Amino acid sequence: MSHASGASGARPTRRSGRWERYRVTHPFSARDQAALWGSIVGVVALAALLGWALDMKGGVVIVAALPFIIASFENRRTAFQFDAAGARFGTVLVPWADVTEFVVATPADGQRALIGARLRPGAVLPAGAATAQDPAMPAPVHVSVPRSKFDLSKMLHKARKYAPSHIRIVVSDPSGERPAS
C-alpha cells in the first residue's frame, strides 16, 4: 500500500518520468570528446563485424550500446550532483541522511567555486572522498567546479524543490558564513 505525503520536501519529487536533480559538470575536454567518438566508432565497427560474421543486424548493437556509452561519459563529466539518492561529489555518493548542509565557497582566484557538504555528527567520511582539504572550504567533502558552470540561484531553487527539508545551503567567504539567498 502506498501513502502520499503532502509535506513539501519530505521526499524527492519525480517529474515527467524522471527524477529531478541539480548537476554541475566539468568542461567537455578534447580528450573526452575523442574517447567518446572513438567508442562510438568502435561500436559501429563491432556492429558491422557482427553483422558480417553472424548475419546479425548491426543496428541492434548500435541502438543498444549508444545510451550506455553516452551515460558513462556524462557520469565522468559530473563534478557535483544531488538527486533522489543523495549528493554526489565526483564519484563519491553521500546519502541524504548523512548531509546536514551544503557549503559554497569562491576562492580569491575567482575561476572556480567549491561545493562541499557538512556531515551529521557520527557520519563516516565516504570511501573515495578526497582527503586533501582546500583552505577556502570548511566542509570535509567537496569538489572544485569551474565558476562559469556553477549557478547558486539554480542550486537554491532545485534544493528548495527537491532536496530533503533539513538541508541548508550556506555561503562561506573570508568574513564568515551566511545562509545562501
Protein backbone atom coordinates (compact mmCIF):
# COMPACT_ATOMS: atom_id res chain seq x y z
CA MET A 1 0.00 0.00 0.00
CA SER A 2 1.32 3.41 -0.86
CA HIS A 3 0.65 6.62 1.02
CA ALA A 4 1.21 10.05 -0.48
CA SER A 5 2.73 12.65 1.77
CA GLY A 6 1.63 16.23 1.44
CA ALA A 7 4.76 17.52 3.19
CA SER A 8 6.84 19.65 0.89
CA GLY A 9 10.43 18.47 0.53
CA ALA A 10 9.81 15.27 2.51
CA ARG A 11 10.84 13.07 -0.38
CA PRO A 12 12.48 13.67 -3.74
CA THR A 13 9.97 14.60 -6.40
CA ARG A 14 9.51 12.71 -9.62
CA ARG A 15 8.51 14.84 -12.60
CA SER A 16 7.71 13.79 -16.15
CA GLY A 17 9.05 10.26 -15.85
CA ARG A 18 12.45 11.01 -14.30
CA TRP A 19 13.91 12.10 -11.00
CA GLU A 20 14.75 15.77 -10.80
CA ARG A 21 18.32 16.68 -9.99
CA TYR A 22 20.82 19.50 -9.84
CA ARG A 23 24.07 18.86 -11.69
CA VAL A 24 27.35 20.72 -12.34
CA THR A 25 29.74 19.27 -14.92
CA HIS A 26 33.38 19.63 -15.77
CA PRO A 27 34.05 21.05 -19.25
CA PHE A 28 33.96 18.50 -22.06
CA SER A 29 37.66 18.25 -22.89
CA ALA A 30 39.13 17.34 -26.27
CA ARG A 31 40.35 14.06 -24.74
CA ASP A 32 36.84 13.19 -23.53
CA GLN A 33 35.37 14.07 -26.90
CA ALA A 34 37.96 11.92 -28.73
CA ALA A 35 37.27 8.99 -26.38
CA LEU A 36 33.51 9.34 -26.89
CA TRP A 37 33.79 9.39 -30.67
CA GLY A 38 36.30 6.53 -30.55
CA SER A 39 33.83 4.46 -28.52
CA ILE A 40 31.03 5.23 -30.95
CA VAL A 41 33.22 4.28 -33.94
CA GLY A 42 34.22 1.08 -32.11
CA VAL A 43 30.59 0.12 -31.54
CA VAL A 44 29.73 0.77 -35.18
CA ALA A 45 32.72 -1.36 -36.26
CA LEU A 46 31.65 -4.13 -33.87
CA ALA A 47 28.12 -3.95 -35.24
CA ALA A 48 29.43 -4.24 -38.79
CA LEU A 49 31.66 -7.19 -37.83
CA LEU A 50 28.80 -8.98 -36.07
CA GLY A 51 26.54 -8.26 -39.00
CA TRP A 52 29.06 -9.80 -41.38
CA ALA A 53 30.20 -12.76 -39.21
CA LEU A 54 26.89 -13.76 -37.64
CA ASP A 55 24.48 -12.44 -40.22
CA MET A 56 23.08 -10.27 -37.43
CA LYS A 57 21.51 -6.87 -37.72
CA GLY A 58 24.21 -4.38 -36.65
CA GLY A 59 21.67 -1.66 -35.90
CA VAL A 60 20.54 -3.59 -32.83
CA VAL A 61 24.05 -3.45 -31.34
CA ILE A 62 24.36 0.26 -32.09
CA VAL A 63 20.97 1.16 -30.64
CA ALA A 64 21.60 -0.95 -27.53
CA ALA A 65 25.15 0.33 -26.87
CA LEU A 66 24.95 4.08 -27.56
CA PRO A 67 22.91 5.05 -24.47
CA PHE A 68 25.40 3.23 -22.22
CA ILE A 69 28.39 4.91 -23.86
CA ILE A 70 26.89 8.37 -23.61
CA ALA A 71 25.79 7.80 -19.98
CA SER A 72 29.27 6.66 -18.96
CA PHE A 73 30.84 9.83 -20.41
CA GLU A 74 28.22 12.02 -18.76
CA ASN A 75 29.00 10.35 -15.42
CA ARG A 76 32.72 11.03 -15.92
CA ARG A 77 31.98 14.71 -16.50
CA THR A 78 29.77 15.13 -13.42
CA ALA A 79 31.53 17.17 -10.74
CA PHE A 80 28.58 17.64 -8.35
CA GLN A 81 25.03 16.39 -8.37
CA PHE A 82 22.16 15.90 -5.99
CA ASP A 83 19.16 13.74 -6.76
CA ALA A 84 16.96 11.11 -5.12
CA ALA A 85 19.96 9.03 -3.93
CA GLY A 86 21.83 11.86 -2.22
CA ALA A 87 24.66 14.21 -3.09
CA ARG A 88 27.46 13.11 -5.40
CA PHE A 89 30.88 14.78 -5.25
CA GLY A 90 32.76 13.47 -8.29
CA THR A 91 32.43 9.71 -7.84
CA VAL A 92 31.65 9.84 -4.10
CA LEU A 93 27.99 9.43 -3.16
CA VAL A 94 26.89 10.82 0.21
CA PRO A 95 23.38 9.69 1.28
CA TRP A 96 20.88 12.37 2.27
CA ALA A 97 20.77 11.05 5.85
CA ASP A 98 24.45 12.00 6.30
CA VAL A 99 24.27 15.52 4.83
CA THR A 100 23.33 18.44 7.09
CA GLU A 101 24.20 21.34 4.79
CA PHE A 102 25.89 22.31 1.56
CA VAL A 103 28.69 24.86 1.73
CA VAL A 104 29.59 27.03 -1.27
CA ALA A 105 32.89 28.94 -1.33
CA THR A 106 34.52 31.03 -4.03
CA PRO A 107 38.31 31.26 -3.58
CA ALA A 108 40.11 34.53 -4.31
CA ASP A 109 41.18 33.41 -7.80
CA GLY A 110 37.54 33.69 -8.97
CA GLN A 111 37.99 30.96 -11.60
CA ARG A 112 36.41 28.18 -9.60
CA ALA A 113 33.75 27.52 -7.00
CA LEU A 114 33.97 24.96 -4.24
CA ILE A 115 30.87 22.97 -3.34
CA GLY A 116 31.00 20.89 -0.18
CA ALA A 117 28.86 19.08 2.35
CA ARG A 118 28.94 19.06 6.11
CA LEU A 119 28.08 15.67 7.53
CA ARG A 120 25.94 14.86 10.54
CA PRO A 121 27.79 14.05 13.77
CA GLY A 122 28.93 10.43 13.73
CA ALA A 123 28.76 10.09 9.94
CA VAL A 124 31.78 8.41 8.40
CA LEU A 125 33.59 10.07 5.52
CA PRO A 126 32.56 8.09 2.41
CA ALA A 127 35.10 5.78 0.76
CA GLY A 128 36.95 7.55 -2.01
CA ALA A 129 36.42 11.04 -0.59
CA ALA A 130 39.42 13.28 -1.20
CA THR A 131 41.42 13.86 1.95
CA ALA A 132 43.19 16.98 0.61
CA GLN A 133 41.42 19.96 2.10
CA ASP A 134 41.24 23.32 0.32
CA PRO A 135 41.81 26.15 2.84
CA ALA A 136 38.81 28.07 1.45
CA MET A 137 36.43 25.15 2.12
CA PRO A 138 35.36 24.34 5.70
CA ALA A 139 33.44 21.16 4.73
CA PRO A 140 35.19 17.75 4.72
CA VAL A 141 33.71 16.54 1.41
CA HIS A 142 33.95 18.93 -1.51
CA VAL A 143 34.69 19.40 -5.22
CA SER A 144 36.05 22.24 -7.28
CA VAL A 145 33.98 23.27 -10.30
CA PRO A 146 34.50 25.94 -12.95
CA ARG A 147 32.84 29.16 -11.80
CA SER A 148 31.23 29.56 -15.21
CA LYS A 149 29.38 26.23 -14.77
CA PHE A 150 28.02 26.96 -11.28
CA ASP A 151 24.79 28.86 -10.61
CA LEU A 152 23.94 29.39 -6.92
CA SER A 153 20.40 30.61 -7.58
CA LYS A 154 19.63 27.49 -9.65
CA MET A 155 21.10 25.29 -6.91
CA LEU A 156 18.95 27.04 -4.29
CA HIS A 157 15.82 26.69 -6.42
CA LYS A 158 16.39 22.96 -7.03
CA ALA A 159 17.31 22.31 -3.38
CA ARG A 160 14.15 24.01 -2.11
CA LYS A 161 12.08 21.97 -4.53
CA TYR A 162 13.70 18.54 -4.47
CA ALA A 163 16.19 18.12 -1.61
CA PRO A 164 15.07 16.95 1.85
CA SER A 165 13.83 19.82 4.01
CA HIS A 166 16.65 19.53 6.58
CA ILE A 167 19.33 20.55 4.05
CA ARG A 168 20.67 24.11 4.38
CA ILE A 169 22.92 25.93 1.92
CA VAL A 170 25.49 28.37 3.27
CA VAL A 171 28.00 30.60 1.52
CA SER A 172 31.47 30.72 3.05
CA ASP A 173 33.87 33.61 2.48
CA PRO A 174 36.82 35.07 4.42
CA SER A 175 34.47 37.16 6.57
CA GLY A 176 32.47 34.11 7.72
CA GLU A 177 29.41 32.14 6.68
CA ARG A 178 25.92 33.26 5.83
CA PRO A 179 22.80 31.46 4.62
CA ALA A 180 22.54 31.48 0.83
CA SER A 181 19.73 33.56 -0.59
